[in-house]
C-alpha atoms as a PDB file:
ATOM      1  CA  UNK A   1    -197.421-103.582 -67.047  1.00  0.00           C
ATOM      2  CA  UNK A   2    -195.476-106.375 -64.600  1.00  0.00           C
ATOM      3  CA  UNK A   3    -197.853-107.446 -61.733  1.00  0.00           C
ATOM      4  CA  UNK A   4    -195.647-106.139 -58.799  1.00  0.00           C
ATOM      5  CA  UNK A   5    -195.704-102.936 -60.207  1.00  0.00           C
ATOM      6  CA  UNK A   6    -199.672-103.530 -60.948  1.00  0.00           C
ATOM      7  CA  UNK A   7    -200.349-104.262 -57.161  1.00  0.00           C
ATOM      8  CA  UNK A   8    -198.595-100.808 -56.216  1.00  0.00           C
ATOM      9  CA  UNK A   9    -200.114 -98.917 -58.007  1.00  0.00           C
ATOM     10  CA  UNK A  10    -202.922-100.648 -56.887  1.00  0.00           C
ATOM     11  CA  UNK A  11    -202.220 -99.849 -53.338  1.00  0.00           C
ATOM     12  CA  UNK A  12    -201.141 -96.479 -53.918  1.00  0.00           C
ATOM     13  CA  UNK A  13    -204.671 -95.595 -55.328  1.00  0.00           C
ATOM     14  CA  UNK A  14    -206.725 -97.488 -52.522  1.00  0.00           C
ATOM     15  CA  UNK A  15    -204.519 -95.570 -49.624  1.00  0.00           C
ATOM     16  CA  UNK A  16    -204.795 -91.868 -51.490  1.00  0.00           C
ATOM     17  CA  UNK A  17    -208.203 -93.125 -51.926  1.00  0.00           C
ATOM     18  CA  UNK A  18    -208.721 -94.256 -48.294  1.00  0.00           C
ATOM     19  CA  UNK A  19    -207.454 -90.889 -47.029  1.00  0.00           C
ATOM     20  CA  UNK A  20    -209.208 -88.254 -49.781  1.00  0.00           C
ATOM     21  CA  UNK A  21    -212.781 -89.775 -48.894  1.00  0.00           C
ATOM     22  CA  UNK A  22    -213.721 -90.119 -45.088  1.00  0.00           C
ATOM     23  CA  UNK A  23    -215.600 -93.037 -43.667  1.00  0.00           C
ATOM     24  CA  UNK A  24    -219.253 -92.251 -42.599  1.00  0.00           C
ATOM     25  CA  UNK A  25    -217.903 -92.191 -39.373  1.00  0.00           C
ATOM     26  CA  UNK A  26    -215.852 -89.253 -39.030  1.00  0.00           C
ATOM     27  CA  UNK A  27    -218.108 -86.703 -40.239  1.00  0.00           C
ATOM     28  CA  UNK A  28    -217.801 -83.437 -38.241  1.00  0.00           C
ATOM     29  CA  UNK A  29    -220.430 -82.850 -35.510  1.00  0.00           C
ATOM     30  CA  UNK A  30    -223.435 -80.548 -36.751  1.00  0.00           C
ATOM     31  CA  UNK A  31    -222.812 -77.795 -34.468  1.00  0.00           C
ATOM     32  CA  UNK A  32    -219.402 -77.141 -36.210  1.00  0.00           C
ATOM     33  CA  UNK A  33    -220.066 -76.021 -39.758  1.00  0.00           C
ATOM     34  CA  UNK A  34    -216.681 -75.536 -41.831  1.00  0.00           C
ATOM     35  CA  UNK A  35    -216.750 -73.426 -44.850  1.00  0.00           C
ATOM     36  CA  UNK A  36    -214.481 -74.141 -47.996  1.00  0.00           C
ATOM     37  CA  UNK A  37    -214.902 -69.839 -48.004  1.00  0.00           C
ATOM     38  CA  UNK A  38    -212.702 -67.636 -46.389  1.00  0.00           C
ATOM     39  CA  UNK A  39    -214.329 -65.095 -43.920  1.00  0.00           C
ATOM     40  CA  UNK A  40    -215.135 -61.740 -45.488  1.00  0.00           C
ATOM     41  CA  UNK A  41    -212.904 -58.845 -44.729  1.00  0.00           C
ATOM     42  CA  UNK A  42    -214.522 -56.337 -42.122  1.00  0.00           C
ATOM     43  CA  UNK A  43    -214.382 -52.767 -42.696  1.00  0.00           C
ATOM     44  CA  UNK A  44    -211.816 -51.699 -40.401  1.00  0.00           C
ATOM     45  CA  UNK A  45    -209.494 -54.381 -41.279  1.00  0.00           C
ATOM     46  CA  UNK A  46    -207.447 -52.344 -43.340  1.00  0.00           C
ATOM     47  CA  UNK A  47    -205.717 -48.579 -43.106  1.00  0.00           C
ATOM     48  CA  UNK A  48    -207.994 -46.188 -45.321  1.00  0.00           C
ATOM     49  CA  UNK A  49    -204.700 -45.156 -46.858  1.00  0.00           C
ATOM     50  CA  UNK A  50    -203.971 -49.344 -47.922  1.00  0.00           C
ATOM     51  CA  UNK A  51    -207.254 -48.935 -49.662  1.00  0.00           C
ATOM     52  CA  UNK A  52    -206.657 -46.347 -51.217  1.00  0.00           C
ATOM     53  CA  UNK A  53    -203.179 -47.763 -52.619  1.00  0.00           C
ATOM     54  CA  UNK A  54    -204.693 -50.441 -54.181  1.00  0.00           C
ATOM     55  CA  UNK A  55    -207.598 -49.008 -55.851  1.00  0.00           C
ATOM     56  CA  UNK A  56    -204.633 -46.456 -57.226  1.00  0.00           C
ATOM     57  CA  UNK A  57    -203.067 -49.898 -58.472  1.00  0.00           C
ATOM     58  CA  UNK A  58    -206.171 -51.234 -60.103  1.00  0.00           C
ATOM     59  CA  UNK A  59    -206.707 -47.717 -61.925  1.00  0.00           C
ATOM     60  CA  UNK A  60    -203.316 -47.797 -63.349  1.00  0.00           C
ATOM     61  CA  UNK A  61    -202.424 -51.189 -64.227  1.00  0.00           C
ATOM     62  CA  UNK A  62    -206.409 -51.489 -65.564  1.00  0.00           C
ATOM     63  CA  UNK A  63    -206.094 -48.741 -67.559  1.00  0.00           C
ATOM     64  CA  UNK A  64    -202.412 -49.487 -68.848  1.00  0.00           C
ATOM     65  CA  UNK A  65    -203.566 -51.923 -71.694  1.00  0.00           C
ATOM     66  CA  UNK A  66    -206.575 -49.731 -72.995  1.00  0.00           C
ATOM     67  CA  UNK A  67    -204.078 -46.519 -73.282  1.00  0.00           C
ATOM     68  CA  UNK A  68    -200.940 -48.841 -74.523  1.00  0.00           C
ATOM     69  CA  UNK A  69    -203.710 -49.347 -77.422  1.00  0.00           C
ATOM     70  CA  UNK A  70    -204.458 -45.471 -78.085  1.00  0.00           C
ATOM     71  CA  UNK A  71    -200.871 -44.962 -77.885  1.00  0.00           C
ATOM     72  CA  UNK A  72    -199.660 -46.801 -80.234  1.00  0.00           C
ATOM     73  CA  UNK A  73    -202.862 -45.794 -82.747  1.00  0.00           C
ATOM     74  CA  UNK A  74    -201.475 -42.233 -81.813  1.00  0.00           C
ATOM     75  CA  UNK A  75    -197.965 -42.603 -83.012  1.00  0.00           C
ATOM     76  CA  UNK A  76    -199.200 -44.586 -85.840  1.00  0.00           C
ATOM     77  CA  UNK A  77    -200.843 -41.775 -86.640  1.00  0.00           C
ATOM     78  CA  UNK A  78    -198.875 -39.238 -86.200  1.00  0.00           C
ATOM     79  CA  UNK A  79    -195.973 -40.957 -88.708  1.00  0.00           C
ATOM     80  CA  UNK A  80    -198.605 -41.342 -91.198  1.00  0.00           C
ATOM     81  CA  UNK A  81    -199.279 -37.393 -91.134  1.00  0.00           C
ATOM     82  CA  UNK A  82    -195.765 -36.707 -90.817  1.00  0.00           C
ATOM     83  CA  UNK A  83    -194.913 -38.731 -93.994  1.00  0.00           C
ATOM     84  CA  UNK A  84    -197.569 -37.187 -96.198  1.00  0.00           C
ATOM     85  CA  UNK A  85    -199.988 -39.939 -96.119  1.00  0.00           C
ATOM     86  CA  UNK A  86    -197.853 -42.033 -97.431  1.00  0.00           C
ATOM     87  CA  UNK A  87    -199.170 -45.862 -97.714  1.00  0.00           C
ATOM     88  CA  UNK A  88    -196.148 -47.336 -96.411  1.00  0.00           C
ATOM     89  CA  UNK A  89    -196.704 -45.585 -93.054  1.00  0.00           C
ATOM     90  CA  UNK A  90    -200.591 -46.362 -92.966  1.00  0.00           C
ATOM     91  CA  UNK A  91    -201.674 -47.121 -89.573  1.00  0.00           C
ATOM     92  CA  UNK A  92    -202.456 -50.313 -87.214  1.00  0.00           C
ATOM     93  CA  UNK A  93    -205.756 -51.422 -89.615  1.00  0.00           C
ATOM     94  CA  UNK A  94    -204.477 -50.913 -92.947  1.00  0.00           C
ATOM     95  CA  UNK A  95    -201.382 -52.233 -92.409  1.00  0.00           C
ATOM     96  CA  UNK A  96    -199.795 -54.856 -94.817  1.00  0.00           C
ATOM     97  CA  UNK A  97    -196.489 -56.724 -95.086  1.00  0.00           C
ATOM     98  CA  UNK A  98    -194.931 -53.945 -96.350  1.00  0.00           C
ATOM     99  CA  UNK A  99    -196.001 -51.421 -93.931  1.00  0.00           C
ATOM    100  CA  UNK A 100    -193.232 -49.333 -91.837  1.00  0.00           C
ATOM    101  CA  UNK A 101    -192.286 -51.509 -88.367  1.00  0.00           C
ATOM    102  CA  UNK A 102    -191.760 -49.708 -85.532  1.00  0.00           C
ATOM    103  CA  UNK A 103    -188.036 -49.321 -84.066  1.00  0.00           C
ATOM    104  CA  UNK A 104    -187.596 -51.059 -80.494  1.00  0.00           C
ATOM    105  CA  UNK A 105    -186.996 -47.437 -79.056  1.00  0.00           C
ATOM    106  CA  UNK A 106    -190.578 -46.218 -80.975  1.00  0.00           C
ATOM    107  CA  UNK A 107    -191.785 -49.481 -78.995  1.00  0.00           C
ATOM    108  CA  UNK A 108    -190.275 -48.471 -75.819  1.00  0.00           C
ATOM    109  CA  UNK A 109    -191.097 -44.990 -75.907  1.00  0.00           C
ATOM    110  CA  UNK A 110    -194.863 -45.738 -76.823  1.00  0.00           C
ATOM    111  CA  UNK A 111    -194.457 -48.149 -73.753  1.00  0.00           C
ATOM    112  CA  UNK A 112    -193.264 -45.517 -70.903  1.00  0.00           C
ATOM    113  CA  UNK A 113    -195.911 -42.854 -72.558  1.00  0.00           C
ATOM    114  CA  UNK A 114    -198.912 -45.690 -71.636  1.00  0.00           C
ATOM    115  CA  UNK A 115    -197.446 -46.258 -68.510  1.00  0.00           C
ATOM    116  CA  UNK A 116    -197.061 -42.655 -67.508  1.00  0.00           C
ATOM    117  CA  UNK A 117    -200.455 -41.913 -68.581  1.00  0.00           C
ATOM    118  CA  UNK A 118    -201.845 -44.522 -66.499  1.00  0.00           C
ATOM    119  CA  UNK A 119    -199.921 -43.381 -64.002  1.00  0.00           C
ATOM    120  CA  UNK A 120    -201.718 -40.201 -64.076  1.00  0.00           C
ATOM    121  CA  UNK A 121    -205.281 -41.618 -64.416  1.00  0.00           C
ATOM    122  CA  UNK A 122    -204.434 -43.401 -61.345  1.00  0.00           C
ATOM    123  CA  UNK A 123    -203.278 -40.346 -60.160  1.00  0.00           C
ATOM    124  CA  UNK A 124    -206.569 -38.348 -60.834  1.00  0.00           C
ATOM    125  CA  UNK A 125    -208.639 -41.048 -58.863  1.00  0.00           C
ATOM    126  CA  UNK A 126    -207.119 -40.796 -56.278  1.00  0.00           C
ATOM    127  CA  UNK A 127    -207.212 -36.929 -55.990  1.00  0.00           C
ATOM    128  CA  UNK A 128    -210.802 -37.042 -56.802  1.00  0.00           C
ATOM    129  CA  UNK A 129    -211.279 -40.121 -54.339  1.00  0.00           C
ATOM    130  CA  UNK A 130    -209.731 -38.153 -51.571  1.00  0.00           C
ATOM    131  CA  UNK A 131    -211.286 -34.674 -52.433  1.00  0.00           C
ATOM    132  CA  UNK A 132    -215.190 -36.684 -52.509  1.00  0.00           C
ATOM    133  CA  UNK A 133    -214.551 -38.988 -49.511  1.00  0.00           C
ATOM    134  CA  UNK A 134    -212.821 -36.286 -47.852  1.00  0.00           C
ATOM    135  CA  UNK A 135    -216.241 -34.073 -47.896  1.00  0.00           C
ATOM    136  CA  UNK A 136    -218.587 -36.415 -46.316  1.00  0.00           C
END
């Protein structure tokens, strides 16, 4: 590295260090406690329907990967039974290189089925949540 570049790098590091680490005389007064954590949400900060929509979203998105796994397993088992338990169509844990590979259309159908089921789970949870929250 040439001396000019080394000097520029050193000056940049020193300038950054002086900004990043405040001097001892620039500390905030003891009465002004500054926290890096945000203020917690208050109970009345969001309307109830928005909290319900957030819960629906969490339940639906959380159920999707699990339901996708079980949907694909169910599709594999159905195909295995439909083809007379032929080893080429064995379900997931028993597959090998020569096993049947689902088509793109079958893959899309399994994803859409899992998405529909996850939306159904979220809807059932929302309905149960409304029923039990309104009875209080």
